[in-house]
PDB file of all heavy atoms in Angstrom:
ATOM      1  N   ARG A   1       0.620 -15.461   3.794  1.00  0.00           N
ATOM      2  CA  ARG A   1       1.793 -15.830   3.004  1.00  0.00           C
ATOM      3  C   ARG A   1       1.494 -15.755   1.504  1.00  0.00           C
ATOM      4  O   ARG A   1       2.337 -15.323   0.714  1.00  0.00           O
ATOM      5  CB  ARG A   1       2.247 -17.244   3.382  1.00  0.00           C
ATOM      6  CG  ARG A   1       3.442 -17.764   2.590  1.00  0.00           C
ATOM      7  CD  ARG A   1       3.927 -19.093   3.139  1.00  0.00           C
ATOM      8  NE  ARG A   1       5.066 -19.604   2.391  1.00  0.00           N
ATOM      9  CZ  ARG A   1       4.962 -20.435   1.352  1.00  0.00           C
ATOM     10  NH1 ARG A   1       3.752 -20.863   0.965  1.00  0.00           N
ATOM     11  NH2 ARG A   1       6.037 -20.848   0.718  1.00  0.00           N
ATOM     12  N   GLU A   2       0.299 -16.190   1.101  1.00  0.00           N
ATOM     13  CA  GLU A   2      -0.031 -16.210  -0.323  1.00  0.00           C
ATOM     14  C   GLU A   2      -0.017 -14.802  -0.910  1.00  0.00           C
ATOM     15  O   GLU A   2       0.402 -14.606  -2.064  1.00  0.00           O
ATOM     16  CB  GLU A   2      -1.400 -16.866  -0.535  1.00  0.00           C
ATOM     17  CG  GLU A   2      -1.679 -17.265  -1.980  1.00  0.00           C
ATOM     18  CD  GLU A   2      -0.652 -18.254  -2.546  1.00  0.00           C
ATOM     19  OE1 GLU A   2      -0.197 -19.139  -1.790  1.00  0.00           O
ATOM     20  OE2 GLU A   2      -0.303 -18.115  -3.738  1.00  0.00           O
ATOM     21  N   GLU A   3      -0.449 -13.818  -0.141  1.00  0.00           N
ATOM     22  CA  GLU A   3      -0.407 -12.426  -0.612  1.00  0.00           C
ATOM     23  C   GLU A   3       1.036 -11.977  -0.827  1.00  0.00           C
ATOM     24  O   GLU A   3       1.348 -11.279  -1.802  1.00  0.00           O
ATOM     25  CB  GLU A   3      -1.080 -11.515   0.410  1.00  0.00           C
ATOM     26  CG  GLU A   3      -2.561 -11.783   0.606  1.00  0.00           C
ATOM     27  CD  GLU A   3      -3.137 -11.024   1.784  1.00  0.00           C
ATOM     28  OE1 GLU A   3      -2.495 -10.981   2.852  1.00  0.00           O
ATOM     29  OE2 GLU A   3      -4.230 -10.462   1.639  1.00  0.00           O
ATOM     30  N   TYR A   4       1.906 -12.379   0.090  1.00  0.00           N
ATOM     31  CA  TYR A   4       3.337 -12.070  -0.026  1.00  0.00           C
ATOM     32  C   TYR A   4       3.931 -12.736  -1.270  1.00  0.00           C
ATOM     33  O   TYR A   4       4.675 -12.099  -2.032  1.00  0.00           O
ATOM     34  CB  TYR A   4       4.043 -12.548   1.243  1.00  0.00           C
ATOM     35  CG  TYR A   4       5.546 -12.618   1.182  1.00  0.00           C
ATOM     36  CD1 TYR A   4       6.333 -11.487   1.355  1.00  0.00           C
ATOM     37  CD2 TYR A   4       6.193 -13.844   0.987  1.00  0.00           C
ATOM     38  CE1 TYR A   4       7.721 -11.561   1.327  1.00  0.00           C
ATOM     39  CE2 TYR A   4       7.572 -13.929   0.962  1.00  0.00           C
ATOM     40  CZ  TYR A   4       8.332 -12.784   1.127  1.00  0.00           C
ATOM     41  OH  TYR A   4       9.703 -12.868   1.097  1.00  0.00           O
ATOM     42  N   LEU A   5       3.591 -13.996  -1.486  1.00  0.00           N
ATOM     43  CA  LEU A   5       4.120 -14.707  -2.649  1.00  0.00           C
ATOM     44  C   LEU A   5       3.626 -14.077  -3.956  1.00  0.00           C
ATOM     45  O   LEU A   5       4.381 -13.972  -4.929  1.00  0.00           O
ATOM     46  CB  LEU A   5       3.722 -16.186  -2.590  1.00  0.00           C
ATOM     47  CG  LEU A   5       4.361 -17.004  -1.467  1.00  0.00           C
ATOM     48  CD1 LEU A   5       3.802 -18.422  -1.459  1.00  0.00           C
ATOM     49  CD2 LEU A   5       5.887 -17.031  -1.611  1.00  0.00           C
ATOM     50  N   ASP A   6       2.367 -13.651  -3.966  1.00  0.00           N
ATOM     51  CA  ASP A   6       1.846 -12.990  -5.166  1.00  0.00           C
ATOM     52  C   ASP A   6       2.600 -11.691  -5.431  1.00  0.00           C
ATOM     53  O   ASP A   6       2.970 -11.396  -6.580  1.00  0.00           O
ATOM     54  CB  ASP A   6       0.349 -12.694  -5.002  1.00  0.00           C
ATOM     55  CG  ASP A   6      -0.507 -13.949  -5.113  1.00  0.00           C
ATOM     56  OD1 ASP A   6       0.009 -14.975  -5.592  1.00  0.00           O
ATOM     57  OD2 ASP A   6      -1.679 -13.901  -4.691  1.00  0.00           O
ATOM     58  N   TYR A   7       2.838 -10.921  -4.378  1.00  0.00           N
ATOM     59  CA  TYR A   7       3.538  -9.649  -4.540  1.00  0.00           C
ATOM     60  C   TYR A   7       4.957  -9.854  -5.055  1.00  0.00           C
ATOM     61  O   TYR A   7       5.448  -9.068  -5.885  1.00  0.00           O
ATOM     62  CB  TYR A   7       3.566  -8.880  -3.214  1.00  0.00           C
ATOM     63  CG  TYR A   7       4.386  -7.614  -3.291  1.00  0.00           C
ATOM     64  CD1 TYR A   7       3.898  -6.486  -3.947  1.00  0.00           C
ATOM     65  CD2 TYR A   7       5.669  -7.561  -2.758  1.00  0.00           C
ATOM     66  CE1 TYR A   7       4.657  -5.336  -4.054  1.00  0.00           C
ATOM     67  CE2 TYR A   7       6.440  -6.411  -2.855  1.00  0.00           C
ATOM     68  CZ  TYR A   7       5.930  -5.301  -3.512  1.00  0.00           C
ATOM     69  OH  TYR A   7       6.690  -4.174  -3.629  1.00  0.00           O
ATOM     70  N   THR A   8       5.628 -10.900  -4.569  1.00  0.00           N
ATOM     71  CA  THR A   8       7.022 -11.165  -4.965  1.00  0.00           C
ATOM     72  C   THR A   8       7.104 -12.113  -6.159  1.00  0.00           C
ATOM     73  O   THR A   8       8.184 -12.611  -6.480  1.00  0.00           O
ATOM     74  CB  THR A   8       7.807 -11.747  -3.782  1.00  0.00           C
ATOM     75  OG1 THR A   8       7.175 -12.955  -3.329  1.00  0.00           O
ATOM     76  CG2 THR A   8       7.885 -10.755  -2.631  1.00  0.00           C
ATOM     77  N   HIS A   9       5.957 -12.375  -6.819  1.00  0.00           N
ATOM     78  CA  HIS A   9       5.901 -13.220  -8.023  1.00  0.00           C
ATOM     79  C   HIS A   9       6.485 -14.613  -7.760  1.00  0.00           C
ATOM     80  O   HIS A   9       7.084 -15.219  -8.656  1.00  0.00           O
ATOM     81  CB  HIS A   9       6.634 -12.539  -9.188  1.00  0.00           C
ATOM     82  CG  HIS A   9       6.137 -11.160  -9.489  1.00  0.00           C
ATOM     83  ND1 HIS A   9       4.871 -10.903  -9.967  1.00  0.00           N
ATOM     84  CD2 HIS A   9       6.736  -9.946  -9.334  1.00  0.00           C
ATOM     85  CE1 HIS A   9       4.711  -9.600 -10.133  1.00  0.00           C
ATOM     86  NE2 HIS A   9       5.816  -8.992  -9.747  1.00  0.00           N
ATOM     87  N   HIS A  10       6.331 -15.087  -6.521  1.00  0.00           N
ATOM     88  CA  HIS A  10       6.760 -16.445  -6.133  1.00  0.00           C
ATOM     89  C   HIS A  10       8.258 -16.675  -6.360  1.00  0.00           C
ATOM     90  O   HIS A  10       8.698 -17.815  -6.533  1.00  0.00           O
ATOM     91  CB  HIS A  10       5.942 -17.497  -6.887  1.00  0.00           C
ATOM     92  CG  HIS A  10       4.495 -17.550  -6.451  1.00  0.00           C
ATOM     93  ND1 HIS A  10       3.992 -18.551  -5.658  1.00  0.00           N
ATOM     94  CD2 HIS A  10       3.455 -16.698  -6.694  1.00  0.00           C
ATOM     95  CE1 HIS A  10       2.710 -18.329  -5.438  1.00  0.00           C
ATOM     96  NE2 HIS A  10       2.365 -17.206  -6.060  1.00  0.00           N
ATOM     97  N   LEU A  11       9.027 -15.607  -6.331  1.00  0.00           N
ATOM     98  CA  LEU A  11      10.471 -15.737  -6.545  1.00  0.00           C
ATOM     99  C   LEU A  11      11.226 -16.126  -5.274  1.00  0.00           C
ATOM    100  O   LEU A  11      12.372 -16.581  -5.349  1.00  0.00           O
ATOM    101  CB  LEU A  11      11.036 -14.409  -7.086  1.00  0.00           C
ATOM    102  CG  LEU A  11      10.566 -14.000  -8.476  1.00  0.00           C
ATOM    103  CD1 LEU A  11      11.073 -12.603  -8.819  1.00  0.00           C
ATOM    104  CD2 LEU A  11      11.049 -15.011  -9.522  1.00  0.00           C
ATOM    105  N   PHE A  12      10.588 -15.944  -4.102  1.00  0.00           N
ATOM    106  CA  PHE A  12      11.279 -16.215  -2.832  1.00  0.00           C
ATOM    107  C   PHE A  12      10.391 -17.089  -1.945  1.00  0.00           C
ATOM    108  O   PHE A  12       9.969 -16.676  -0.860  1.00  0.00           O
ATOM    109  CB  PHE A  12      11.606 -14.889  -2.120  1.00  0.00           C
ATOM    110  CG  PHE A  12      12.242 -13.865  -3.031  1.00  0.00           C
ATOM    111  CD1 PHE A  12      11.487 -12.832  -3.577  1.00  0.00           C
ATOM    112  CD2 PHE A  12      13.591 -13.938  -3.347  1.00  0.00           C
ATOM    113  CE1 PHE A  12      12.073 -11.886  -4.413  1.00  0.00           C
ATOM    114  CE2 PHE A  12      14.185 -12.999  -4.186  1.00  0.00           C
ATOM    115  CZ  PHE A  12      13.420 -11.975  -4.722  1.00  0.00           C
ATOM    116  N   PRO A  13      10.106 -18.335  -2.376  1.00  0.00           N
ATOM    117  CA  PRO A  13       9.102 -19.154  -1.679  1.00  0.00           C
ATOM    118  C   PRO A  13       9.515 -19.608  -0.279  1.00  0.00           C
ATOM    119  O   PRO A  13       8.666 -19.911   0.542  1.00  0.00           O
ATOM    120  CB  PRO A  13       8.933 -20.354  -2.610  1.00  0.00           C
ATOM    121  CG  PRO A  13      10.226 -20.436  -3.370  1.00  0.00           C
ATOM    122  CD  PRO A  13      10.654 -19.015  -3.554  1.00  0.00           C
ATOM    123  N   ASN A  14      10.811 -19.672   0.010  1.00  0.00           N
ATOM    124  CA  ASN A  14      11.263 -20.184   1.305  1.00  0.00           C
ATOM    125  C   ASN A  14      11.686 -19.073   2.257  1.00  0.00           C
ATOM    126  O   ASN A  14      12.510 -19.279   3.138  1.00  0.00           O
ATOM    127  CB  ASN A  14      12.422 -21.173   1.104  1.00  0.00           C
ATOM    128  CG  ASN A  14      12.004 -22.386   0.304  1.00  0.00           C
ATOM    129  OD1 ASN A  14      10.913 -22.911   0.488  1.00  0.00           O
ATOM    130  ND2 ASN A  14      12.865 -22.826  -0.601  1.00  0.00           N
ATOM    131  N   THR A  15      11.128 -17.882   2.061  1.00  0.00           N
ATOM    132  CA  THR A  15      11.506 -16.745   2.893  1.00  0.00           C
ATOM    133  C   THR A  15      10.306 -16.228   3.680  1.00  0.00           C
ATOM    134  O   THR A  15       9.155 -16.426   3.288  1.00  0.00           O
ATOM    135  CB  THR A  15      12.058 -15.594   2.025  1.00  0.00           C
ATOM    136  OG1 THR A  15      11.026 -15.154   1.123  1.00  0.00           O
ATOM    137  CG2 THR A  15      13.270 -16.046   1.219  1.00  0.00           C
ATOM    138  N   GLY A  16      10.603 -15.567   4.790  1.00  0.00           N
ATOM    139  CA  GLY A  16       9.554 -14.904   5.571  1.00  0.00           C
ATOM    140  C   GLY A  16       9.478 -13.428   5.268  1.00  0.00           C
ATOM    141  O   GLY A  16       8.566 -12.728   5.703  1.00  0.00           O
ATOM    142  N   GLY A  17      10.470 -12.939   4.530  1.00  0.00           N
ATOM    143  CA  GLY A  17      10.515 -11.536   4.156  1.00  0.00           C
ATOM    144  C   GLY A  17      11.649 -11.330   3.178  1.00  0.00           C
ATOM    145  O   GLY A  17      12.525 -12.185   3.023  1.00  0.00           O
ATOM    146  N   VAL A  18      11.643 -10.190   2.500  1.00  0.00           N
ATOM    147  CA  VAL A  18      12.673  -9.953   1.496  1.00  0.00           C
ATOM    148  C   VAL A  18      12.820  -8.456   1.259  1.00  0.00           C
ATOM    149  O   VAL A  18      11.855  -7.697   1.369  1.00  0.00           O
ATOM    150  CB  VAL A  18      12.324 -10.667   0.168  1.00  0.00           C
ATOM    151  CG1 VAL A  18      11.068 -10.077  -0.468  1.00  0.00           C
ATOM    152  CG2 VAL A  18      13.491 -10.652  -0.804  1.00  0.00           C
ATOM    153  N   PHE A  19      14.056  -8.030   0.969  1.00  0.00           N
ATOM    154  CA  PHE A  19      14.295  -6.688   0.458  1.00  0.00           C
ATOM    155  C   PHE A  19      14.574  -6.816  -1.024  1.00  0.00           C
ATOM    156  O   PHE A  19      15.504  -7.521  -1.432  1.00  0.00           O
ATOM    157  CB  PHE A  19      15.477  -6.019   1.158  1.00  0.00           C
ATOM    158  CG  PHE A  19      15.908  -4.739   0.488  1.00  0.00           C
ATOM    159  CD1 PHE A  19      15.035  -3.665   0.426  1.00  0.00           C
ATOM    160  CD2 PHE A  19      17.163  -4.628  -0.104  1.00  0.00           C
ATOM    161  CE1 PHE A  19      15.404  -2.498  -0.222  1.00  0.00           C
ATOM    162  CE2 PHE A  19      17.534  -3.462  -0.744  1.00  0.00           C
ATOM    163  CZ  PHE A  19      16.656  -2.391  -0.806  1.00  0.00           C
ATOM    164  N   ILE A  20      13.763  -6.174  -1.831  1.00  0.00           N
ATOM    165  CA  ILE A  20      13.919  -6.216  -3.285  1.00  0.00           C
ATOM    166  C   ILE A  20      14.657  -4.951  -3.690  1.00  0.00           C
ATOM    167  O   ILE A  20      14.140  -3.834  -3.549  1.00  0.00           O
ATOM    168  CB  ILE A  20      12.552  -6.304  -3.983  1.00  0.00           C
ATOM    169  CG1 ILE A  20      11.780  -7.521  -3.453  1.00  0.00           C
ATOM    170  CG2 ILE A  20      12.717  -6.377  -5.491  1.00  0.00           C
ATOM    171  CD1 ILE A  20      10.338  -7.579  -3.922  1.00  0.00           C
ATOM    172  N   SER A  21      15.878  -5.129  -4.159  1.00  0.00           N
ATOM    173  CA  SER A  21      16.781  -4.010  -4.419  1.00  0.00           C
ATOM    174  C   SER A  21      16.100  -2.897  -5.205  1.00  0.00           C
ATOM    175  O   SER A  21      15.567  -3.129  -6.299  1.00  0.00           O
ATOM    176  CB  SER A  21      18.013  -4.505  -5.187  1.00  0.00           C
ATOM    177  OG  SER A  21      18.674  -5.502  -4.446  1.00  0.00           O
ATOM    178  N   GLY A  22      16.144  -1.699  -4.645  1.00  0.00           N
ATOM    179  CA  GLY A  22      15.632  -0.533  -5.338  1.00  0.00           C
ATOM    180  C   GLY A  22      14.134  -0.444  -5.405  1.00  0.00           C
ATOM    181  O   GLY A  22      13.580   0.479  -6.020  1.00  0.00           O
ATOM    182  N   ARG A  23      13.433  -1.396  -4.758  1.00  0.00           N
ATOM    183  CA  ARG A  23      11.978  -1.419  -4.917  1.00  0.00           C
ATOM    184  C   ARG A  23      11.238  -1.318  -3.578  1.00  0.00           C
ATOM    185  O   ARG A  23      10.555  -0.343  -3.318  1.00  0.00           O
ATOM    186  CB  ARG A  23      11.560  -2.695  -5.649  1.00  0.00           C
ATOM    187  CG  ARG A  23      10.058  -2.836  -5.882  1.00  0.00           C
ATOM    188  CD  ARG A  23       9.777  -4.108  -6.659  1.00  0.00           C
ATOM    189  NE  ARG A  23       8.350  -4.449  -6.635  1.00  0.00           N
ATOM    190  CZ  ARG A  23       7.868  -5.623  -6.993  1.00  0.00           C
ATOM    191  NH1 ARG A  23       8.688  -6.573  -7.402  1.00  0.00           N
ATOM    192  NH2 ARG A  23       6.585  -5.869  -6.943  1.00  0.00           N
ATOM    193  N   ALA A  24      11.383  -2.331  -2.725  1.00  0.00           N
ATOM    194  CA  ALA A  24      10.596  -2.337  -1.493  1.00  0.00           C
ATOM    195  C   ALA A  24      11.087  -3.417  -0.556  1.00  0.00           C
ATOM    196  O   ALA A  24      11.924  -4.257  -0.910  1.00  0.00           O
ATOM    197  CB  ALA A  24       9.117  -2.567  -1.813  1.00  0.00           C
ATOM    198  N   LEU A  25      10.538  -3.396   0.647  1.00  0.00           N
ATOM    199  CA  LEU A  25      10.746  -4.430   1.650  1.00  0.00           C
ATOM    200  C   LEU A  25       9.386  -5.064   1.904  1.00  0.00           C
ATOM    201  O   LEU A  25       8.386  -4.358   2.029  1.00  0.00           O
ATOM    202  CB  LEU A  25      11.305  -3.788   2.915  1.00  0.00           C
ATOM    203  CG  LEU A  25      11.770  -4.634   4.096  1.00  0.00           C
ATOM    204  CD1 LEU A  25      12.711  -3.800   4.959  1.00  0.00           C
ATOM    205  CD2 LEU A  25      10.605  -5.107   4.950  1.00  0.00           C
ATOM    206  N   ALA A  26       9.328  -6.391   1.974  1.00  0.00           N
ATOM    207  CA  ALA A  26       8.042  -7.068   2.170  1.00  0.00           C
ATOM    208  C   ALA A  26       8.201  -8.225   3.135  1.00  0.00           C
ATOM    209  O   ALA A  26       9.250  -8.870   3.199  1.00  0.00           O
ATOM    210  CB  ALA A  26       7.497  -7.574   0.830  1.00  0.00           C
ATOM    211  N   ALA A  27       7.134  -8.502   3.902  1.00  0.00           N
ATOM    212  CA  ALA A  27       7.120  -9.616   4.831  1.00  0.00           C
ATOM    213  C   ALA A  27       5.655  -9.970   5.096  1.00  0.00           C
ATOM    214  O   ALA A  27       4.739  -9.254   4.705  1.00  0.00           O
ATOM    215  CB  ALA A  27       7.837  -9.266   6.131  1.00  0.00           C
ATOM    216  N   PHE A  28       5.446 -11.110   5.784  1.00  0.00           N
ATOM    217  CA  PHE A  28       4.076 -11.528   6.092  1.00  0.00           C
ATOM    218  C   PHE A  28       4.021 -12.117   7.499  1.00  0.00           C
ATOM    219  O   PHE A  28       5.030 -12.553   8.058  1.00  0.00           O
ATOM    220  CB  PHE A  28       3.574 -12.561   5.071  1.00  0.00           C
ATOM    221  CG  PHE A  28       4.348 -13.859   5.063  1.00  0.00           C
ATOM    222  CD1 PHE A  28       3.947 -14.936   5.843  1.00  0.00           C
ATOM    223  CD2 PHE A  28       5.486 -14.002   4.285  1.00  0.00           C
ATOM    224  CE1 PHE A  28       4.662 -16.127   5.846  1.00  0.00           C
ATOM    225  CE2 PHE A  28       6.204 -15.187   4.277  1.00  0.00           C
ATOM    226  CZ  PHE A  28       5.789 -16.253   5.056  1.00  0.00           C
ATOM    227  N   LEU A  29       2.810 -12.124   8.071  1.00  0.00           N
ATOM    228  CA  LEU A  29       2.611 -12.565   9.452  1.00  0.00           C
ATOM    229  C   LEU A  29       2.282 -14.046   9.570  1.00  0.00           C
ATOM    230  O   LEU A  29       2.782 -14.732  10.463  1.00  0.00           O
ATOM    231  CB  LEU A  29       1.485 -11.743  10.080  1.00  0.00           C
ATOM    232  CG  LEU A  29       1.072 -12.130  11.506  1.00  0.00           C
ATOM    233  CD1 LEU A  29       2.233 -11.951  12.479  1.00  0.00           C
ATOM    234  CD2 LEU A  29      -0.127 -11.306  11.960  1.00  0.00           C
ATOM    235  N   GLU A  30       1.461 -14.554   8.680  1.00  0.00           N
ATOM    236  CA  GLU A  30       0.905 -15.907   8.804  1.00  0.00           C
ATOM    237  C   GLU A  30       1.994 -16.965   9.025  1.00  0.00           C
ATOM    238  O   GLU A  30       2.935 -17.077   8.247  1.00  0.00           O
ATOM    239  CB  GLU A  30       0.120 -16.257   7.534  1.00  0.00           C
ATOM    240  CG  GLU A  30      -0.535 -17.624   7.565  1.00  0.00           C
ATOM    241  CD  GLU A  30      -1.249 -17.933   6.248  1.00  0.00           C
ATOM    242  OE1 GLU A  30      -0.815 -17.424   5.196  1.00  0.00           O
ATOM    243  OE2 GLU A  30      -2.240 -18.664   6.279  1.00  0.00           O
ATOM    244  N   GLY A  31       1.867 -17.739  10.098  1.00  0.00           N
ATOM    245  CA  GLY A  31       2.795 -18.835  10.354  1.00  0.00           C
ATOM    246  C   GLY A  31       4.073 -18.433  11.043  1.00  0.00           C
ATOM    247  O   GLY A  31       4.749 -19.273  11.641  1.00  0.00           O
ATOM    248  N   GLN A  32       4.439 -17.148  10.965  1.00  0.00           N
ATOM    249  CA  GLN A  32       5.670 -16.698  11.616  1.00  0.00           C
ATOM    250  C   GLN A  32       5.431 -16.265  13.052  1.00  0.00           C
ATOM    251  O   GLN A  32       6.261 -16.487  13.926  1.00  0.00           O
ATOM    252  CB  GLN A  32       6.292 -15.509  10.861  1.00  0.00           C
ATOM    253  CG  GLN A  32       6.751 -15.824   9.460  1.00  0.00           C
ATOM    254  CD  GLN A  32       7.710 -14.765   8.958  1.00  0.00           C
ATOM    255  OE1 GLN A  32       8.904 -14.847   9.213  1.00  0.00           O
ATOM    256  NE2 GLN A  32       7.203 -13.759   8.259  1.00  0.00           N
ATOM    257  N   GLY A  33       4.286 -15.618  13.264  1.00  0.00           N
ATOM    258  CA  GLY A  33       4.032 -15.025  14.569  1.00  0.00           C
ATOM    259  C   GLY A  33       4.673 -13.658  14.658  1.00  0.00           C
ATOM    260  O   GLY A  33       5.614 -13.337  13.915  1.00  0.00           O
ATOM    261  N   PRO A  34       4.185 -12.809  15.553  1.00  0.00           N
ATOM    262  CA  PRO A  34       4.658 -11.430  15.605  1.00  0.00           C
ATOM    263  C   PRO A  34       6.122 -11.272  15.994  1.00  0.00           C
ATOM    264  O   PRO A  34       6.790 -10.360  15.508  1.00  0.00           O
ATOM    265  CB  PRO A  34       3.727 -10.769  16.627  1.00  0.00           C
ATOM    266  CG  PRO A  34       3.013 -11.878  17.311  1.00  0.00           C
ATOM    267  CD  PRO A  34       3.037 -13.058  16.422  1.00  0.00           C
ATOM    268  N   ASP A  35       6.650 -12.152  16.862  1.00  0.00           N
ATOM    269  CA  ASP A  35       8.064 -12.026  17.247  1.00  0.00           C
ATOM    270  C   ASP A  35       8.974 -12.256  16.050  1.00  0.00           C
ATOM    271  O   ASP A  35       9.919 -11.507  15.806  1.00  0.00           O
ATOM    272  CB  ASP A  35       8.418 -13.017  18.365  1.00  0.00           C
ATOM    273  CG  ASP A  35       8.063 -12.481  19.745  1.00  0.00           C
ATOM    274  OD1 ASP A  35       7.950 -11.249  19.885  1.00  0.00           O
ATOM    275  OD2 ASP A  35       7.903 -13.280  20.667  1.00  0.00           O
ATOM    276  N   GLN A  36       8.706 -13.334  15.304  1.00  0.00           N
ATOM    277  CA  GLN A  36       9.539 -13.624  14.139  1.00  0.00           C
ATOM    278  C   GLN A  36       9.351 -12.576  13.060  1.00  0.00           C
ATOM    279  O   GLN A  36      10.308 -12.220  12.361  1.00  0.00           O
ATOM    280  CB  GLN A  36       9.222 -15.022  13.592  1.00  0.00           C
ATOM    281  CG  GLN A  36      10.085 -15.438  12.401  1.00  0.00           C
ATOM    282  CD  GLN A  36      11.567 -15.378  12.707  1.00  0.00           C
ATOM    283  OE1 GLN A  36      12.021 -15.896  13.737  1.00  0.00           O
ATOM    284  NE2 GLN A  36      12.351 -14.754  11.832  1.00  0.00           N
ATOM    285  N   LEU A  37       8.135 -12.057  12.909  1.00  0.00           N
ATOM    286  CA  LEU A  37       7.906 -10.996  11.925  1.00  0.00           C
ATOM    287  C   LEU A  37       8.751  -9.771  12.254  1.00  0.00           C
ATOM    288  O   LEU A  37       9.361  -9.169  11.364  1.00  0.00           O
ATOM    289  CB  LEU A  37       6.423 -10.619  11.887  1.00  0.00           C
ATOM    290  CG  LEU A  37       6.066  -9.425  10.998  1.00  0.00           C
ATOM    291  CD1 LEU A  37       6.457  -9.656   9.549  1.00  0.00           C
ATOM    292  CD2 LEU A  37       4.578  -9.095  11.102  1.00  0.00           C
ATOM    293  N   ARG A  38       8.800  -9.394  13.530  1.00  0.00           N
ATOM    294  CA  ARG A  38       9.621  -8.242  13.922  1.00  0.00           C
ATOM    295  C   ARG A  38      11.086  -8.491  13.589  1.00  0.00           C
ATOM    296  O   ARG A  38      11.771  -7.612  13.039  1.00  0.00           O
ATOM    297  CB  ARG A  38       9.466  -7.967  15.426  1.00  0.00           C
ATOM    298  CG  ARG A  38      10.400  -6.890  15.954  1.00  0.00           C
ATOM    299  CD  ARG A  38      10.329  -6.767  17.467  1.00  0.00           C
ATOM    300  NE  ARG A  38      10.456  -8.041  18.142  1.00  0.00           N
ATOM    301  CZ  ARG A  38      11.611  -8.681  18.316  1.00  0.00           C
ATOM    302  NH1 ARG A  38      12.741  -8.193  17.831  1.00  0.00           N
ATOM    303  NH2 ARG A  38      11.650  -9.837  18.952  1.00  0.00           N
ATOM    304  N   ARG A  39      11.585  -9.691  13.902  1.00  0.00           N
ATOM    305  CA  ARG A  39      12.986 -10.003  13.585  1.00  0.00           C
ATOM    306  C   ARG A  39      13.221  -9.969  12.075  1.00  0.00           C
ATOM    307  O   ARG A  39      14.254  -9.489  11.606  1.00  0.00           O
ATOM    308  CB  ARG A  39      13.372 -11.366  14.164  1.00  0.00           C
ATOM    309  CG  ARG A  39      13.515 -11.379  15.672  1.00  0.00           C
ATOM    310  CD  ARG A  39      14.230 -12.630  16.161  1.00  0.00           C
ATOM    311  NE  ARG A  39      13.464 -13.834  15.918  1.00  0.00           N
ATOM    312  CZ  ARG A  39      12.607 -14.364  16.787  1.00  0.00           C
ATOM    313  NH1 ARG A  39      12.387 -13.776  17.959  1.00  0.00           N
ATOM    314  NH2 ARG A  39      11.962 -15.467  16.505  1.00  0.00           N
ATOM    315  N   THR A  40      12.248 -10.492  11.323  1.00  0.00           N
ATOM    316  CA  THR A  40      12.367 -10.476   9.862  1.00  0.00           C
ATOM    317  C   THR A  40      12.451  -9.051   9.336  1.00  0.00           C
ATOM    318  O   THR A  40      13.281  -8.734   8.469  1.00  0.00           O
ATOM    319  CB  THR A  40      11.162 -11.199   9.227  1.00  0.00           C
ATOM    320  OG1 THR A  40      11.171 -12.577   9.621  1.00  0.00           O
ATOM    321  CG2 THR A  40      11.194 -11.112   7.704  1.00  0.00           C
ATOM    322  N   LEU A  41      11.619  -8.158   9.856  1.00  0.00           N
ATOM    323  CA  LEU A  41      11.633  -6.762   9.406  1.00  0.00           C
ATOM    324  C   LEU A  41      12.954  -6.086   9.750  1.00  0.00           C
ATOM    325  O   LEU A  41      13.506  -5.324   8.949  1.00  0.00           O
ATOM    326  CB  LEU A  41      10.457  -6.001  10.011  1.00  0.00           C
ATOM    327  CG  LEU A  41       9.073  -6.388   9.471  1.00  0.00           C
ATOM    328  CD1 LEU A  41       7.967  -5.782  10.326  1.00  0.00           C
ATOM    329  CD2 LEU A  41       8.920  -5.953   8.021  1.00  0.00           C
ATOM    330  N   GLN A  42      13.481  -6.352  10.951  1.00  0.00           N
ATOM    331  CA  GLN A  42      14.773  -5.769  11.318  1.00  0.00           C
ATOM    332  C   GLN A  42      15.881  -6.297  10.403  1.00  0.00           C
ATOM    333  O   GLN A  42      16.793  -5.556  10.016  1.00  0.00           O
ATOM    334  CB  GLN A  42      15.087  -6.077  12.789  1.00  0.00           C
ATOM    335  CG  GLN A  42      14.179  -5.320  13.747  1.00  0.00           C
ATOM    336  CD  GLN A  42      14.419  -5.625  15.223  1.00  0.00           C
ATOM    337  OE1 GLN A  42      13.630  -5.241  16.067  1.00  0.00           O
ATOM    338  NE2 GLN A  42      15.503  -6.305  15.552  1.00  0.00           N
ATOM    339  N   HIS A  43      15.805  -7.569  10.060  1.00  0.00           N
ATOM    340  CA  HIS A  43      16.797  -8.193   9.169  1.00  0.00           C
ATOM    341  C   HIS A  43      16.741  -7.558   7.777  1.00  0.00           C
ATOM    342  O   HIS A  43      17.763  -7.118   7.241  1.00  0.00           O
ATOM    343  CB  HIS A  43      16.490  -9.697   9.094  1.00  0.00           C
ATOM    344  CG  HIS A  43      17.391 -10.482   8.202  1.00  0.00           C
ATOM    345  ND1 HIS A  43      18.267 -11.423   8.671  1.00  0.00           N
ATOM    346  CD2 HIS A  43      17.563 -10.478   6.849  1.00  0.00           C
ATOM    347  CE1 HIS A  43      18.932 -11.965   7.670  1.00  0.00           C
ATOM    348  NE2 HIS A  43      18.521 -11.403   6.543  1.00  0.00           N
ATOM    349  N   GLU A  44      15.547  -7.539   7.205  1.00  0.00           N
ATOM    350  CA  GLU A  44      15.418  -7.047   5.831  1.00  0.00           C
ATOM    351  C   GLU A  44      15.685  -5.548   5.755  1.00  0.00           C
ATOM    352  O   GLU A  44      16.205  -5.047   4.753  1.00  0.00           O
ATOM    353  CB  GLU A  44      14.032  -7.384   5.278  1.00  0.00           C
ATOM    354  CG  GLU A  44      13.722  -8.870   5.209  1.00  0.00           C
ATOM    355  CD  GLU A  44      14.731  -9.656   4.383  1.00  0.00           C
ATOM    356  OE1 GLU A  44      15.354  -9.080   3.471  1.00  0.00           O
ATOM    357  OE2 GLU A  44      14.909 -10.863   4.667  1.00  0.00           O
TER     358      GLU A  44
END
């Protein structure tokens, strides 16, 4: 999660993943588990 927060400059602390308009899609595994990570990726 900390790597994700560093990449997103701590702008989205309560998220498991994010789509940053015009830039990229990011998510992390720690604490979510693989099932939730997959759902997060499909969402974003």
